[in-house]
Amino acid sequence: MVTWSENRYELGFVRVTTEQTLQDSRSRHTRLVADPYWGVSLSRRWQLFERGPIKGFFGFGLAGKTKSDELSTTRWDFASQLGVRFRLPGNRVTASSPCVIGRTVASACRTTVRISRL
């Protein structure tokens, strides 16, 4: 994910590397619903609140993927976000620094719920 303009905009690339399957409780068989694919999303974010080191935001944009499947019959969809961003304890880096997620080391942490079918 790449953000700019004080985290107002986000461009993200994703690779789903495994098949997505559905286990039906009425059957022994597993159903393939999506093959691996590449995806991209572009979103605009708006800040909802700021309370000390915590900022809440929501975002909306477009998402696309390289294949359509049973989960989404089109390659294009909406990309929605609802998230919270907060500074790590003891951190003295400015608020405009990037966030910490997974393997990236930086100054803040962001938790986002994505409501998109990428």
Protein backbone atom coordinates (compact mmCIF):
# COMPACT_ATOMS: atom_id res chain seq x y z
CA MET A 1 0.00 0.00 0.00
CA VAL A 2 1.20 3.47 -0.85
CA THR A 3 -0.37 6.58 0.68
CA TRP A 4 0.13 10.28 -0.03
CA SER A 5 -1.31 13.72 0.81
CA GLU A 6 -1.28 13.05 4.58
CA ASN A 7 -2.85 9.58 4.09
CA ARG A 8 -5.85 10.96 2.19
CA TYR A 9 -5.18 8.71 -0.82
CA GLU A 10 -4.13 5.07 -0.99
CA LEU A 11 -2.98 2.91 -3.87
CA GLY A 12 -2.66 -0.78 -3.13
CA PHE A 13 -1.58 -3.88 -4.99
CA VAL A 14 -2.43 -7.37 -3.75
CA ARG A 15 -1.68 -10.90 -4.88
CA VAL A 16 -4.02 -13.68 -3.72
CA THR A 17 -1.75 -16.70 -4.10
CA THR A 18 -4.04 -19.55 -3.13
CA GLU A 19 -7.33 -20.86 -4.44
CA GLN A 20 -10.42 -19.77 -2.54
CA THR A 21 -12.68 -22.70 -1.76
CA LEU A 22 -16.04 -23.26 -0.11
CA GLN A 23 -16.58 -26.19 2.21
CA ASP A 24 -20.23 -27.27 2.08
CA SER A 25 -21.42 -28.89 5.32
CA ARG A 26 -23.98 -30.95 3.37
CA SER A 27 -21.33 -32.53 1.16
CA ARG A 28 -17.84 -34.03 1.45
CA HIS A 29 -16.67 -32.03 -1.52
CA THR A 30 -14.95 -28.66 -1.58
CA ARG A 31 -16.04 -26.18 -4.27
CA LEU A 32 -13.51 -23.92 -6.02
CA VAL A 33 -14.89 -20.36 -6.14
CA ALA A 34 -11.79 -18.33 -7.12
CA ASP A 35 -8.38 -18.99 -8.64
CA PRO A 36 -5.29 -16.94 -7.60
CA TYR A 37 -5.28 -13.39 -9.01
CA TRP A 38 -3.68 -9.92 -8.87
CA GLY A 39 -5.66 -6.94 -7.61
CA VAL A 40 -5.34 -3.16 -7.36
CA SER A 41 -7.32 -0.54 -5.43
CA LEU A 42 -7.36 3.25 -5.34
CA SER A 43 -9.16 4.95 -2.44
CA ARG A 44 -9.80 8.40 -0.99
CA ARG A 45 -9.91 8.60 2.82
CA TRP A 46 -11.66 11.03 5.16
CA GLN A 47 -10.85 11.48 8.83
CA LEU A 48 -13.82 10.86 11.15
CA PHE A 49 -12.25 11.84 14.47
CA GLU A 50 -8.97 12.52 16.27
CA ARG A 51 -8.63 11.85 20.01
CA GLY A 52 -5.03 12.25 21.16
CA PRO A 53 -2.90 9.64 19.38
CA ILE A 54 -5.93 7.91 17.77
CA LYS A 55 -7.47 8.85 14.42
CA GLY A 56 -10.53 7.21 12.88
CA PHE A 57 -11.13 7.25 9.13
CA PHE A 58 -13.21 5.81 6.33
CA GLY A 59 -12.36 5.47 2.69
CA PHE A 60 -14.03 4.78 -0.62
CA GLY A 61 -12.70 4.04 -4.08
CA LEU A 62 -12.41 1.49 -6.87
CA ALA A 63 -10.87 -1.98 -6.95
CA GLY A 64 -9.98 -4.19 -9.87
CA LYS A 65 -8.63 -7.69 -10.33
CA THR A 66 -7.21 -9.77 -13.15
CA LYS A 67 -9.93 -12.46 -13.11
CA SER A 68 -13.66 -12.66 -12.51
CA ASP A 69 -15.03 -15.64 -10.60
CA GLU A 70 -18.04 -16.92 -8.64
CA LEU A 71 -17.41 -14.43 -5.84
CA SER A 72 -17.58 -11.44 -8.18
CA THR A 73 -18.76 -11.67 -11.77
CA THR A 74 -16.98 -8.48 -12.76
CA ARG A 75 -13.34 -7.47 -12.52
CA TRP A 76 -14.24 -4.03 -11.12
CA ASP A 77 -15.78 -3.29 -7.74
CA PHE A 78 -15.98 -0.66 -4.99
CA ALA A 79 -13.27 -0.47 -2.33
CA SER A 80 -14.51 0.63 1.10
CA GLN A 81 -12.50 1.04 4.32
CA LEU A 82 -13.20 1.74 7.95
CA GLY A 83 -10.10 2.10 10.12
CA VAL A 84 -8.26 3.39 13.15
CA ARG A 85 -4.70 4.75 13.15
CA PHE A 86 -2.72 5.14 16.37
CA ARG A 87 0.82 5.97 17.43
CA LEU A 88 3.01 3.36 19.08
CA PRO A 89 3.92 3.94 22.77
CA GLY A 90 7.18 5.84 23.28
CA ASN A 91 7.37 6.89 19.65
CA ARG A 92 8.74 10.37 18.95
CA VAL A 93 8.34 10.38 15.19
CA THR A 94 5.94 12.86 13.57
CA ALA A 95 2.35 11.86 12.76
CA SER A 96 2.96 12.02 9.02
CA SER A 97 5.25 8.99 9.14
CA PRO A 98 4.09 5.72 7.58
CA CYS A 99 2.35 3.05 9.65
CA VAL A 100 3.51 -0.31 10.98
CA ILE A 101 1.81 -3.32 9.45
CA GLY A 102 3.35 -6.75 9.23
CA ARG A 103 6.94 -6.48 8.05
CA THR A 104 7.15 -2.68 7.70
CA VAL A 105 8.89 -0.75 10.50
CA ALA A 106 7.65 2.78 11.03
CA SER A 107 5.98 5.06 13.56
CA ALA A 108 2.28 4.28 13.76
CA CYS A 109 -0.11 1.37 13.47
CA ARG A 110 -3.28 1.16 11.43
CA THR A 111 -6.10 -1.35 11.64
CA THR A 112 -8.46 -1.34 8.70
CA VAL A 113 -11.56 -3.32 7.91
CA ARG A 114 -11.88 -3.55 4.16
CA ILE A 115 -15.31 -4.13 2.72
CA SER A 116 -14.31 -4.94 -0.81
CA ARG A 117 -14.48 -7.96 -3.02
CA LEU A 118 -11.06 -7.58 -4.55
